[in-house]
Amino acid sequence: MEADDSYRTVAGASEASMRERSSRFLAFLWPVSTEEEIRERLDGLRKRYYDATHHCYAWRLGPKGERERANDDGEPSGTAGRPILGQLLSNGLTECLLVVVRYFGGTKLGVPGLIAAYREAAALSIAEAEIVERTVDARMQVTFSYLVLNDVMRIVKEMQPEVEEQSFDNLCRMTLRIRRSRAEELAGRLDKVESLMRETE
């Protein structure tokens, strides 16, 4: 069973291309985390392949793919964006954008042909990608007296959160990052340390 605080995405960009009759399909897959990043990627492709007939795409954002969109960019409704999105869904991928650029070659493919071609182009770009599992993390800021530094460091050593920032003075500060499913345990242990203040994001 998949953990609630992990998701599958791609480690980096990948590309693939194919021909279907006389049309050429170029597929591009990227990891993304914001709609602004998606717009930038799409704008970049539209400039680079300005003479292409269609730039169809699908994206999913959020650890559970809470936000998703599919766009046919002028192809018959449901023949491009949905098959592309279907490939992201069937591979359990989120936090990514998949674009298929089509150069029309003069021969119409028909609705079933278009669906199959966009699905295959999308699948090829996923096959080229390195798929990785990422965790959903919680971030904690802790402030404590130098007198309890050893107590805090012992908890950090045992639970091994990532230490993003730290400063040790009369008043010590640390920013810790840990997988969400373990955040409650870490918070509980830190709260037992005398004079420690904690904030969780």
N, C-alpha and C. Protein backbone atom coordinates (compact mmCIF):
# COMPACT_ATOMS: atom_id res chain seq x y z
N MET A 1 0.84 -1.20 0.00
CA MET A 1 0.00 0.00 0.00
C MET A 1 0.88 1.26 0.00
N GLU A 2 0.48 2.24 -0.81
CA GLU A 2 1.28 3.46 -0.93
C GLU A 2 1.10 4.33 0.31
N ALA A 3 2.20 4.85 0.81
CA ALA A 3 2.14 5.70 2.01
C ALA A 3 1.47 7.02 1.65
N ASP A 4 0.80 7.62 2.65
CA ASP A 4 0.12 8.89 2.44
C ASP A 4 1.09 10.04 2.23
N ASP A 5 2.32 9.86 2.68
CA ASP A 5 3.26 10.98 2.59
C ASP A 5 4.35 10.74 1.56
N SER A 6 4.02 9.98 0.51
CA SER A 6 4.97 9.81 -0.59
C SER A 6 4.22 9.84 -1.92
N TYR A 7 4.94 10.14 -3.00
CA TYR A 7 4.32 10.18 -4.32
C TYR A 7 5.38 9.87 -5.37
N ARG A 8 4.91 9.51 -6.57
CA ARG A 8 5.82 9.19 -7.68
C ARG A 8 5.86 10.36 -8.65
N THR A 9 7.07 10.72 -9.06
CA THR A 9 7.25 11.75 -10.07
C THR A 9 8.47 11.39 -10.91
N VAL A 10 8.92 12.33 -11.75
CA VAL A 10 10.11 12.05 -12.57
C VAL A 10 11.29 12.85 -12.03
N ALA A 11 12.48 12.26 -12.14
CA ALA A 11 13.69 12.89 -11.59
C ALA A 11 14.14 14.08 -12.44
N GLY A 12 13.86 14.02 -13.73
CA GLY A 12 14.30 15.09 -14.62
C GLY A 12 13.53 15.04 -15.93
N ALA A 13 13.91 15.89 -16.86
CA ALA A 13 13.21 15.97 -18.15
C ALA A 13 13.50 14.76 -19.02
N SER A 14 12.53 14.41 -19.86
CA SER A 14 12.77 13.35 -20.86
C SER A 14 12.02 13.73 -22.14
N GLU A 15 12.47 13.16 -23.25
CA GLU A 15 11.86 13.45 -24.56
C GLU A 15 11.73 12.16 -25.35
N ALA A 16 10.77 12.14 -26.26
CA ALA A 16 10.62 11.00 -27.18
C ALA A 16 9.94 11.53 -28.44
N SER A 17 10.10 10.80 -29.55
CA SER A 17 9.43 11.19 -30.78
C SER A 17 8.98 9.96 -31.55
N MET A 18 7.96 10.13 -32.37
CA MET A 18 7.46 9.02 -33.18
C MET A 18 6.73 9.59 -34.40
N ARG A 19 6.54 8.73 -35.39
CA ARG A 19 5.75 9.12 -36.57
C ARG A 19 4.53 8.22 -36.65
N GLU A 20 3.42 8.80 -37.03
CA GLU A 20 2.21 8.01 -37.27
C GLU A 20 1.69 8.45 -38.62
N ARG A 21 1.76 7.54 -39.60
CA ARG A 21 1.55 7.90 -41.00
C ARG A 21 2.45 9.09 -41.30
N SER A 22 1.91 10.21 -41.74
CA SER A 22 2.85 11.30 -42.08
C SER A 22 2.97 12.37 -40.99
N SER A 23 2.28 12.17 -39.86
CA SER A 23 2.40 13.15 -38.76
C SER A 23 3.57 12.80 -37.86
N ARG A 24 4.20 13.86 -37.33
CA ARG A 24 5.31 13.66 -36.39
C ARG A 24 4.87 14.12 -35.01
N PHE A 25 5.16 13.31 -34.00
CA PHE A 25 4.80 13.63 -32.62
C PHE A 25 6.07 13.72 -31.76
N LEU A 26 6.22 14.83 -31.05
CA LEU A 26 7.36 15.03 -30.15
C LEU A 26 6.80 15.14 -28.73
N ALA A 27 7.27 14.30 -27.83
CA ALA A 27 6.75 14.30 -26.46
C ALA A 27 7.81 14.78 -25.48
N PHE A 28 7.39 15.61 -24.53
CA PHE A 28 8.29 16.20 -23.53
C PHE A 28 7.68 16.05 -22.15
N LEU A 29 8.47 15.55 -21.22
CA LEU A 29 8.01 15.33 -19.85
C LEU A 29 8.95 16.05 -18.89
N TRP A 30 8.37 16.81 -17.95
CA TRP A 30 9.17 17.56 -16.97
C TRP A 30 8.60 17.39 -15.56
N PRO A 31 9.47 17.40 -14.55
CA PRO A 31 8.97 17.56 -13.18
C PRO A 31 8.62 19.03 -12.97
N VAL A 32 7.48 19.32 -12.39
CA VAL A 32 7.07 20.71 -12.12
C VAL A 32 6.39 20.76 -10.75
N SER A 33 6.38 21.94 -10.14
CA SER A 33 5.71 22.05 -8.84
C SER A 33 4.73 23.21 -8.74
N THR A 34 4.68 24.08 -9.78
CA THR A 34 3.74 25.21 -9.76
C THR A 34 3.13 25.41 -11.15
N GLU A 35 1.96 26.08 -11.18
CA GLU A 35 1.33 26.39 -12.47
C GLU A 35 2.16 27.41 -13.25
N GLU A 36 2.89 28.26 -12.54
CA GLU A 36 3.76 29.24 -13.21
C GLU A 36 4.87 28.51 -13.98
N GLU A 37 5.44 27.50 -13.35
CA GLU A 37 6.47 26.69 -14.02
C GLU A 37 5.90 26.01 -15.25
N ILE A 38 4.66 25.52 -15.15
CA ILE A 38 4.00 24.87 -16.29
C ILE A 38 3.85 25.86 -17.44
N ARG A 39 3.39 27.09 -17.13
CA ARG A 39 3.22 28.11 -18.17
C ARG A 39 4.55 28.42 -18.86
N GLU A 40 5.62 28.52 -18.06
CA GLU A 40 6.95 28.81 -18.63
C GLU A 40 7.39 27.70 -19.58
N ARG A 41 7.19 26.45 -19.18
CA ARG A 41 7.56 25.31 -20.04
C ARG A 41 6.76 25.33 -21.34
N LEU A 42 5.45 25.58 -21.23
CA LEU A 42 4.60 25.61 -22.42
C LEU A 42 4.99 26.76 -23.34
N ASP A 43 5.24 27.93 -22.77
CA ASP A 43 5.66 29.09 -23.58
C ASP A 43 6.96 28.79 -24.32
N GLY A 44 7.89 28.16 -23.60
CA GLY A 44 9.19 27.82 -24.21
C GLY A 44 9.02 26.87 -25.39
N LEU A 45 8.14 25.87 -25.23
CA LEU A 45 7.91 24.91 -26.33
C LEU A 45 7.22 25.57 -27.51
N ARG A 46 6.27 26.45 -27.21
CA ARG A 46 5.54 27.12 -28.31
C ARG A 46 6.48 28.02 -29.12
N LYS A 47 7.46 28.62 -28.44
CA LYS A 47 8.44 29.44 -29.16
C LYS A 47 9.38 28.56 -29.98
N ARG A 48 9.81 27.46 -29.36
CA ARG A 48 10.78 26.57 -30.03
C ARG A 48 10.15 25.85 -31.23
N TYR A 49 8.91 25.40 -31.06
CA TYR A 49 8.20 24.67 -32.13
C TYR A 49 7.02 25.51 -32.60
N TYR A 50 7.34 26.76 -32.98
CA TYR A 50 6.29 27.73 -33.34
C TYR A 50 5.50 27.29 -34.57
N ASP A 51 6.11 26.44 -35.43
CA ASP A 51 5.45 26.03 -36.67
C ASP A 51 4.68 24.71 -36.52
N ALA A 52 4.59 24.17 -35.30
CA ALA A 52 3.86 22.92 -35.08
C ALA A 52 2.36 23.18 -35.15
N THR A 53 1.60 22.14 -35.49
CA THR A 53 0.15 22.27 -35.63
C THR A 53 -0.55 22.32 -34.28
N HIS A 54 -0.09 21.49 -33.33
CA HIS A 54 -0.75 21.41 -32.01
C HIS A 54 0.30 21.24 -30.90
N HIS A 55 0.00 21.83 -29.74
CA HIS A 55 0.80 21.60 -28.51
C HIS A 55 -0.20 21.10 -27.46
N CYS A 56 -0.39 19.80 -27.40
CA CYS A 56 -1.38 19.22 -26.48
C CYS A 56 -0.65 18.78 -25.21
N TYR A 57 -1.36 18.86 -24.08
CA TYR A 57 -0.64 18.56 -22.83
C TYR A 57 -1.58 18.13 -21.72
N ALA A 58 -0.95 17.61 -20.67
CA ALA A 58 -1.65 17.30 -19.42
C ALA A 58 -0.66 17.49 -18.28
N TRP A 59 -1.19 17.88 -17.13
CA TRP A 59 -0.33 18.01 -15.94
C TRP A 59 -1.09 17.61 -14.70
N ARG A 60 -0.32 17.24 -13.68
CA ARG A 60 -0.87 16.94 -12.36
C ARG A 60 0.03 17.58 -11.31
N LEU A 61 -0.58 18.22 -10.31
CA LEU A 61 0.17 18.84 -9.22
C LEU A 61 -0.38 18.35 -7.88
N GLY A 62 0.49 18.35 -6.88
CA GLY A 62 0.09 17.91 -5.54
C GLY A 62 0.47 16.45 -5.34
N PRO A 63 0.80 16.07 -4.11
CA PRO A 63 1.23 14.70 -3.83
C PRO A 63 0.23 13.64 -4.28
N LYS A 64 -1.05 13.98 -4.28
CA LYS A 64 -2.07 13.02 -4.72
C LYS A 64 -2.67 13.42 -6.07
N GLY A 65 -1.99 14.34 -6.77
CA GLY A 65 -2.54 14.82 -8.04
C GLY A 65 -3.83 15.58 -7.82
N GLU A 66 -3.87 16.37 -6.72
CA GLU A 66 -5.10 17.09 -6.36
C GLU A 66 -5.57 18.05 -7.46
N ARG A 67 -4.61 18.59 -8.21
CA ARG A 67 -4.96 19.47 -9.33
C ARG A 67 -4.44 18.83 -10.61
N GLU A 68 -5.29 18.79 -11.63
CA GLU A 68 -4.85 18.23 -12.91
C GLU A 68 -5.59 18.93 -14.04
N ARG A 69 -4.96 18.91 -15.21
CA ARG A 69 -5.59 19.53 -16.37
C ARG A 69 -5.15 18.81 -17.63
N ALA A 70 -6.04 18.76 -18.62
CA ALA A 70 -5.71 18.19 -19.93
C ALA A 70 -6.17 19.18 -20.99
N ASN A 71 -5.38 19.36 -22.05
CA ASN A 71 -5.71 20.34 -23.08
C ASN A 71 -5.48 19.72 -24.47
N ASP A 72 -6.53 19.80 -25.33
CA ASP A 72 -6.46 19.22 -26.68
C ASP A 72 -5.86 20.17 -27.72
N ASP A 73 -5.72 21.45 -27.38
CA ASP A 73 -5.14 22.47 -28.27
C ASP A 73 -5.63 22.35 -29.72
N GLY A 74 -6.95 22.29 -29.87
CA GLY A 74 -7.51 22.31 -31.22
C GLY A 74 -7.76 20.96 -31.84
N GLU A 75 -7.23 19.89 -31.26
CA GLU A 75 -7.55 18.55 -31.74
C GLU A 75 -9.00 18.24 -31.33
N PRO A 76 -9.67 17.27 -32.00
CA PRO A 76 -11.04 16.92 -31.58
C PRO A 76 -11.09 16.59 -30.09
N SER A 77 -12.15 17.04 -29.43
CA SER A 77 -12.27 16.93 -27.97
C SER A 77 -12.01 15.51 -27.47
N GLY A 78 -11.11 15.42 -26.48
CA GLY A 78 -10.83 14.13 -25.84
C GLY A 78 -9.83 13.24 -26.57
N THR A 79 -9.27 13.73 -27.70
CA THR A 79 -8.37 12.86 -28.47
C THR A 79 -6.90 13.03 -28.13
N ALA A 80 -6.56 14.08 -27.36
CA ALA A 80 -5.14 14.36 -27.10
C ALA A 80 -4.84 14.52 -25.62
N GLY A 81 -5.43 15.56 -25.00
CA GLY A 81 -5.15 15.82 -23.59
C GLY A 81 -5.53 14.66 -22.68
N ARG A 82 -6.71 14.06 -22.91
CA ARG A 82 -7.14 12.95 -22.04
C ARG A 82 -6.23 11.72 -22.15
N PRO A 83 -5.86 11.29 -23.36
CA PRO A 83 -4.92 10.15 -23.45
C PRO A 83 -3.56 10.45 -22.80
N ILE A 84 -3.10 11.71 -22.90
CA ILE A 84 -1.83 12.09 -22.26
C ILE A 84 -1.99 12.01 -20.75
N LEU A 85 -3.08 12.60 -20.23
CA LEU A 85 -3.34 12.53 -18.79
C LEU A 85 -3.49 11.09 -18.33
N GLY A 86 -4.13 10.28 -19.17
CA GLY A 86 -4.30 8.85 -18.84
C GLY A 86 -2.98 8.15 -18.59
N GLN A 87 -1.95 8.54 -19.34
CA GLN A 87 -0.63 7.92 -19.13
C GLN A 87 -0.02 8.36 -17.80
N LEU A 88 -0.21 9.62 -17.42
CA LEU A 88 0.28 10.07 -16.10
C LEU A 88 -0.44 9.29 -14.99
N LEU A 89 -1.76 9.13 -15.15
CA LEU A 89 -2.56 8.43 -14.14
C LEU A 89 -2.18 6.96 -14.05
N SER A 90 -2.05 6.30 -15.21
CA SER A 90 -1.78 4.85 -15.17
C SER A 90 -0.38 4.55 -14.64
N ASN A 91 0.53 5.53 -14.74
CA ASN A 91 1.87 5.35 -14.17
C ASN A 91 1.98 5.92 -12.76
N GLY A 92 0.86 6.46 -12.25
CA GLY A 92 0.83 7.00 -10.88
C GLY A 92 1.74 8.19 -10.69
N LEU A 93 1.87 9.02 -11.73
CA LEU A 93 2.81 10.16 -11.67
C LEU A 93 2.08 11.47 -11.34
N THR A 94 2.69 12.30 -10.53
CA THR A 94 2.19 13.63 -10.26
C THR A 94 3.37 14.60 -10.20
N GLU A 95 3.08 15.88 -9.97
CA GLU A 95 4.11 16.92 -9.97
C GLU A 95 4.88 16.90 -11.29
N CYS A 96 4.14 16.71 -12.40
CA CYS A 96 4.82 16.73 -13.70
C CYS A 96 3.89 17.22 -14.81
N LEU A 97 4.53 17.64 -15.90
CA LEU A 97 3.87 18.16 -17.10
C LEU A 97 4.32 17.30 -18.28
N LEU A 98 3.35 16.87 -19.10
CA LEU A 98 3.68 16.08 -20.29
C LEU A 98 3.04 16.77 -21.50
N VAL A 99 3.87 17.17 -22.45
CA VAL A 99 3.40 17.88 -23.64
C VAL A 99 3.72 17.04 -24.87
N VAL A 100 2.74 16.93 -25.78
CA VAL A 100 2.99 16.26 -27.07
C VAL A 100 2.74 17.29 -28.18
N VAL A 101 3.80 17.57 -28.93
CA VAL A 101 3.76 18.52 -30.04
C VAL A 101 3.53 17.73 -31.33
N ARG A 102 2.55 18.16 -32.13
CA ARG A 102 2.27 17.44 -33.37
C ARG A 102 2.51 18.31 -34.58
N TYR A 103 3.22 17.73 -35.55
CA TYR A 103 3.34 18.32 -36.88
C TYR A 103 2.44 17.50 -37.80
N PHE A 104 1.38 18.11 -38.29
CA PHE A 104 0.43 17.40 -39.16
C PHE A 104 1.06 17.15 -40.52
N GLY A 105 0.97 15.91 -40.96
CA GLY A 105 1.65 15.54 -42.22
C GLY A 105 0.73 15.43 -43.41
N GLY A 106 -0.55 15.82 -43.25
CA GLY A 106 -1.45 15.80 -44.41
C GLY A 106 -2.43 14.65 -44.43
N THR A 107 -2.18 13.61 -43.64
CA THR A 107 -3.11 12.47 -43.59
C THR A 107 -3.85 12.49 -42.27
N LYS A 108 -5.18 12.55 -42.33
CA LYS A 108 -5.97 12.56 -41.10
C LYS A 108 -5.93 11.18 -40.45
N LEU A 109 -5.82 11.17 -39.13
CA LEU A 109 -5.71 9.90 -38.40
C LEU A 109 -7.05 9.40 -37.88
N GLY A 110 -8.05 10.27 -37.85
CA GLY A 110 -9.34 9.89 -37.28
C GLY A 110 -9.26 9.87 -35.76
N VAL A 111 -10.42 9.86 -35.10
CA VAL A 111 -10.45 9.93 -33.63
C VAL A 111 -9.69 8.77 -32.97
N PRO A 112 -9.97 7.49 -33.32
CA PRO A 112 -9.22 6.39 -32.67
C PRO A 112 -7.72 6.48 -32.93
N GLY A 113 -7.35 6.91 -34.16
CA GLY A 113 -5.93 7.03 -34.51
C GLY A 113 -5.23 8.12 -33.71
N LEU A 114 -5.92 9.24 -33.52
CA LEU A 114 -5.35 10.34 -32.72
C LEU A 114 -5.15 9.91 -31.27
N ILE A 115 -6.18 9.29 -30.69
CA ILE A 115 -6.09 8.84 -29.29
C ILE A 115 -4.90 7.90 -29.12
N ALA A 116 -4.77 6.95 -30.04
CA ALA A 116 -3.68 5.96 -29.95
C ALA A 116 -2.32 6.64 -30.11
N ALA A 117 -2.22 7.60 -31.04
CA ALA A 117 -0.93 8.26 -31.30
C ALA A 117 -0.50 9.12 -30.11
N TYR A 118 -1.43 9.90 -29.55
CA TYR A 118 -1.07 10.74 -28.40
C TYR A 118 -0.74 9.87 -27.18
N ARG A 119 -1.49 8.79 -27.01
CA ARG A 119 -1.21 7.88 -25.88
C ARG A 119 0.19 7.27 -26.02
N GLU A 120 0.51 6.83 -27.24
CA GLU A 120 1.81 6.18 -27.46
C GLU A 120 2.96 7.16 -27.28
N ALA A 121 2.82 8.39 -27.82
CA ALA A 121 3.88 9.40 -27.68
C ALA A 121 4.12 9.70 -26.19
N ALA A 122 3.02 9.86 -25.45
CA ALA A 122 3.14 10.13 -24.01
C ALA A 122 3.83 8.98 -23.30
N ALA A 123 3.43 7.75 -23.64
CA ALA A 123 4.02 6.55 -23.00
C ALA A 123 5.51 6.46 -23.29
N LEU A 124 5.92 6.83 -24.50
CA LEU A 124 7.34 6.78 -24.87
C LEU A 124 8.18 7.74 -24.02
N SER A 125 7.64 8.95 -23.77
CA SER A 125 8.41 9.91 -22.97
C SER A 125 8.51 9.44 -21.52
N ILE A 126 7.46 8.78 -21.02
CA ILE A 126 7.50 8.23 -19.64
C ILE A 126 8.51 7.09 -19.57
N ALA A 127 8.55 6.28 -20.62
CA ALA A 127 9.50 5.15 -20.65
C ALA A 127 10.94 5.64 -20.62
N GLU A 128 11.18 6.84 -21.16
CA GLU A 128 12.54 7.42 -21.18
C GLU A 128 12.92 8.07 -19.84
N ALA A 129 11.92 8.30 -18.98
CA ALA A 129 12.16 9.06 -17.75
C ALA A 129 12.62 8.16 -16.60
N GLU A 130 13.33 8.77 -15.66
CA GLU A 130 13.66 8.08 -14.41
C GLU A 130 12.56 8.43 -13.40
N ILE A 131 11.82 7.41 -12.98
CA ILE A 131 10.72 7.63 -12.04
C ILE A 131 11.24 7.47 -10.61
N VAL A 132 10.90 8.44 -9.76
CA VAL A 132 11.41 8.44 -8.38
C VAL A 132 10.25 8.61 -7.41
N GLU A 133 10.49 8.16 -6.19
CA GLU A 133 9.50 8.37 -5.13
C GLU A 133 9.99 9.50 -4.24
N ARG A 134 9.13 10.47 -4.00
CA ARG A 134 9.47 11.59 -3.13
C ARG A 134 8.58 11.53 -1.89
N THR A 135 9.05 12.14 -0.81
CA THR A 135 8.24 12.16 0.40
C THR A 135 7.66 13.55 0.63
N VAL A 136 6.51 13.59 1.29
CA VAL A 136 5.90 14.86 1.71
C VAL A 136 6.44 15.12 3.11
N ASP A 137 7.13 16.24 3.28
CA ASP A 137 7.81 16.52 4.54
C ASP A 137 7.15 17.63 5.34
N ALA A 138 7.38 17.58 6.64
CA ALA A 138 6.97 18.68 7.54
C ALA A 138 8.25 19.39 7.98
N ARG A 139 8.13 20.71 8.19
CA ARG A 139 9.29 21.48 8.62
C ARG A 139 9.02 22.03 10.02
N MET A 140 10.01 21.94 10.89
CA MET A 140 9.88 22.42 12.26
C MET A 140 10.98 23.40 12.58
N GLN A 141 10.62 24.47 13.26
CA GLN A 141 11.63 25.40 13.77
C GLN A 141 11.64 25.27 15.29
N VAL A 142 12.81 25.01 15.84
CA VAL A 142 12.92 24.86 17.30
C VAL A 142 13.91 25.87 17.86
N THR A 143 13.57 26.42 18.99
CA THR A 143 14.43 27.37 19.70
C THR A 143 14.60 26.85 21.12
N PHE A 144 15.84 26.81 21.59
CA PHE A 144 16.06 26.22 22.92
C PHE A 144 17.33 26.79 23.54
N SER A 145 17.44 26.61 24.83
CA SER A 145 18.61 27.09 25.57
C SER A 145 19.81 26.19 25.29
N TYR A 146 20.98 26.79 25.29
CA TYR A 146 22.23 26.03 25.07
C TYR A 146 22.36 24.90 26.09
N LEU A 147 21.76 25.08 27.26
CA LEU A 147 21.86 24.07 28.33
C LEU A 147 21.25 22.72 27.93
N VAL A 148 20.26 22.74 26.99
CA VAL A 148 19.61 21.47 26.61
C VAL A 148 20.04 21.01 25.21
N LEU A 149 21.12 21.61 24.70
CA LEU A 149 21.61 21.26 23.37
C LEU A 149 21.84 19.76 23.22
N ASN A 150 22.47 19.14 24.22
CA ASN A 150 22.76 17.70 24.13
C ASN A 150 21.49 16.87 24.01
N ASP A 151 20.43 17.28 24.76
CA ASP A 151 19.16 16.55 24.69
C ASP A 151 18.57 16.63 23.28
N VAL A 152 18.61 17.83 22.70
CA VAL A 152 18.05 18.02 21.36
C VAL A 152 18.87 17.24 20.33
N MET A 153 20.19 17.32 20.43
CA MET A 153 21.05 16.65 19.45
C MET A 153 20.89 15.13 19.52
N ARG A 154 20.62 14.62 20.71
CA ARG A 154 20.41 13.17 20.84
C ARG A 154 19.15 12.75 20.06
N ILE A 155 18.08 13.55 20.19
CA ILE A 155 16.83 13.26 19.46
C ILE A 155 17.07 13.36 17.95
N VAL A 156 17.79 14.39 17.53
CA VAL A 156 18.10 14.58 16.11
C VAL A 156 18.91 13.41 15.58
N LYS A 157 19.87 12.95 16.35
CA LYS A 157 20.71 11.83 15.93
C LYS A 157 19.88 10.55 15.79
N GLU A 158 18.98 10.33 16.72
CA GLU A 158 18.18 9.10 16.71
C GLU A 158 17.11 9.12 15.62
N MET A 159 16.47 10.28 15.40
CA MET A 159 15.36 10.33 14.43
C MET A 159 15.79 10.78 13.04
N GLN A 160 16.96 11.37 12.96
CA GLN A 160 17.59 11.75 11.69
C GLN A 160 16.73 12.62 10.76
N PRO A 161 16.15 13.69 11.29
CA PRO A 161 15.53 14.65 10.36
C PRO A 161 16.64 15.37 9.61
N GLU A 162 16.29 15.96 8.48
CA GLU A 162 17.28 16.78 7.76
C GLU A 162 17.39 18.12 8.50
N VAL A 163 18.62 18.54 8.78
CA VAL A 163 18.84 19.83 9.44
C VAL A 163 19.07 20.87 8.35
N GLU A 164 18.08 21.75 8.16
CA GLU A 164 18.18 22.74 7.08
C GLU A 164 18.99 23.96 7.50
N GLU A 165 18.81 24.37 8.76
CA GLU A 165 19.56 25.53 9.29
C GLU A 165 19.81 25.30 10.76
N GLN A 166 20.92 25.84 11.24
CA GLN A 166 21.16 25.78 12.69
C GLN A 166 22.08 26.91 13.11
N SER A 167 21.84 27.42 14.30
CA SER A 167 22.77 28.40 14.89
C SER A 167 22.80 28.15 16.39
N PHE A 168 24.01 28.10 16.95
CA PHE A 168 24.18 27.80 18.36
C PHE A 168 24.77 29.01 19.07
N ASP A 169 23.99 29.56 19.97
CA ASP A 169 24.43 30.70 20.76
C ASP A 169 23.84 30.47 22.15
N ASN A 170 23.69 31.54 22.93
CA ASN A 170 22.98 31.36 24.21
C ASN A 170 21.60 30.78 23.95
N LEU A 171 20.99 31.29 22.87
CA LEU A 171 19.72 30.73 22.41
C LEU A 171 20.00 30.02 21.10
N CYS A 172 19.68 28.75 21.03
CA CYS A 172 19.98 27.95 19.84
C CYS A 172 18.73 27.84 18.96
N ARG A 173 18.96 27.80 17.65
CA ARG A 173 17.84 27.66 16.71
C ARG A 173 18.18 26.57 15.69
N MET A 174 17.17 25.78 15.35
CA MET A 174 17.34 24.77 14.29
C MET A 174 16.07 24.70 13.46
N THR A 175 16.25 24.49 12.16
CA THR A 175 15.12 24.20 11.28
C THR A 175 15.28 22.76 10.82
N LEU A 176 14.30 21.94 11.14
CA LEU A 176 14.36 20.51 10.85
C LEU A 176 13.29 20.14 9.83
N ARG A 177 13.60 19.16 9.01
CA ARG A 177 12.64 18.68 8.01
C ARG A 177 12.56 17.18 8.13
N ILE A 178 11.34 16.65 8.21
CA ILE A 178 11.17 15.20 8.38
C ILE A 178 9.92 14.74 7.65
N ARG A 179 9.93 13.49 7.23
CA ARG A 179 8.77 12.91 6.56
C ARG A 179 7.52 13.08 7.43
N ARG A 180 6.43 13.50 6.79
CA ARG A 180 5.23 13.88 7.53
C ARG A 180 4.74 12.79 8.51
N SER A 181 4.85 11.53 8.10
CA SER A 181 4.34 10.45 8.96
C SER A 181 5.16 10.30 10.25
N ARG A 182 6.37 10.90 10.29
CA ARG A 182 7.21 10.79 11.49
C ARG A 182 7.27 12.11 12.28
N ALA A 183 6.58 13.13 11.73
CA ALA A 183 6.66 14.47 12.34
C ALA A 183 6.07 14.50 13.75
N GLU A 184 4.97 13.77 13.94
CA GLU A 184 4.31 13.79 15.25
C GLU A 184 5.21 13.19 16.33
N GLU A 185 5.90 12.10 15.96
CA GLU A 185 6.81 11.46 16.93
C GLU A 185 7.96 12.41 17.29
N LEU A 186 8.53 13.07 16.27
CA LEU A 186 9.62 14.00 16.52
C LEU A 186 9.14 15.16 17.40
N ALA A 187 7.97 15.71 17.06
CA ALA A 187 7.42 16.83 17.84
C ALA A 187 7.20 16.41 19.30
N GLY A 188 6.66 15.21 19.50
CA GLY A 188 6.39 14.71 20.85
C GLY A 188 7.66 14.60 21.68
N ARG A 189 8.72 14.12 21.04
CA ARG A 189 9.99 13.97 21.76
C ARG A 189 10.62 15.32 22.07
N LEU A 190 10.55 16.24 21.10
CA LEU A 190 11.13 17.57 21.32
C LEU A 190 10.35 18.33 22.40
N ASP A 191 9.04 18.15 22.43
CA ASP A 191 8.21 18.88 23.41
C ASP A 191 8.54 18.50 24.85
N LYS A 192 9.20 17.35 25.04
CA LYS A 192 9.56 16.93 26.40
C LYS A 192 10.85 17.62 26.88
N VAL A 193 11.55 18.25 25.94
CA VAL A 193 12.80 18.94 26.32
C VAL A 193 12.43 20.26 27.00
N GLU A 194 13.02 20.48 28.16
CA GLU A 194 12.71 21.68 28.94
C GLU A 194 13.07 22.96 28.19
N SER A 195 12.24 23.96 28.28
CA SER A 195 12.45 25.30 27.74
C SER A 195 12.52 25.36 26.22
N LEU A 196 12.10 24.28 25.54
CA LEU A 196 12.18 24.30 24.07
C LEU A 196 10.88 24.86 23.48
N MET A 197 11.01 25.73 22.49
CA MET A 197 9.84 26.27 21.77
C MET A 197 9.86 25.67 20.36
N ARG A 198 8.68 25.29 19.88
CA ARG A 198 8.62 24.63 18.56
C ARG A 198 7.50 25.21 17.72
N GLU A 199 7.78 25.36 16.43
CA GLU A 199 6.74 25.73 15.45
C GLU A 199 6.84 24.74 14.29
N THR A 200 5.69 24.24 13.84
CA THR A 200 5.68 23.30 12.72
C THR A 200 4.97 23.93 11.54
N GLU A 201 5.57 23.74 10.35
CA GLU A 201 4.92 24.21 9.12
C GLU A 201 4.33 23.01 8.40
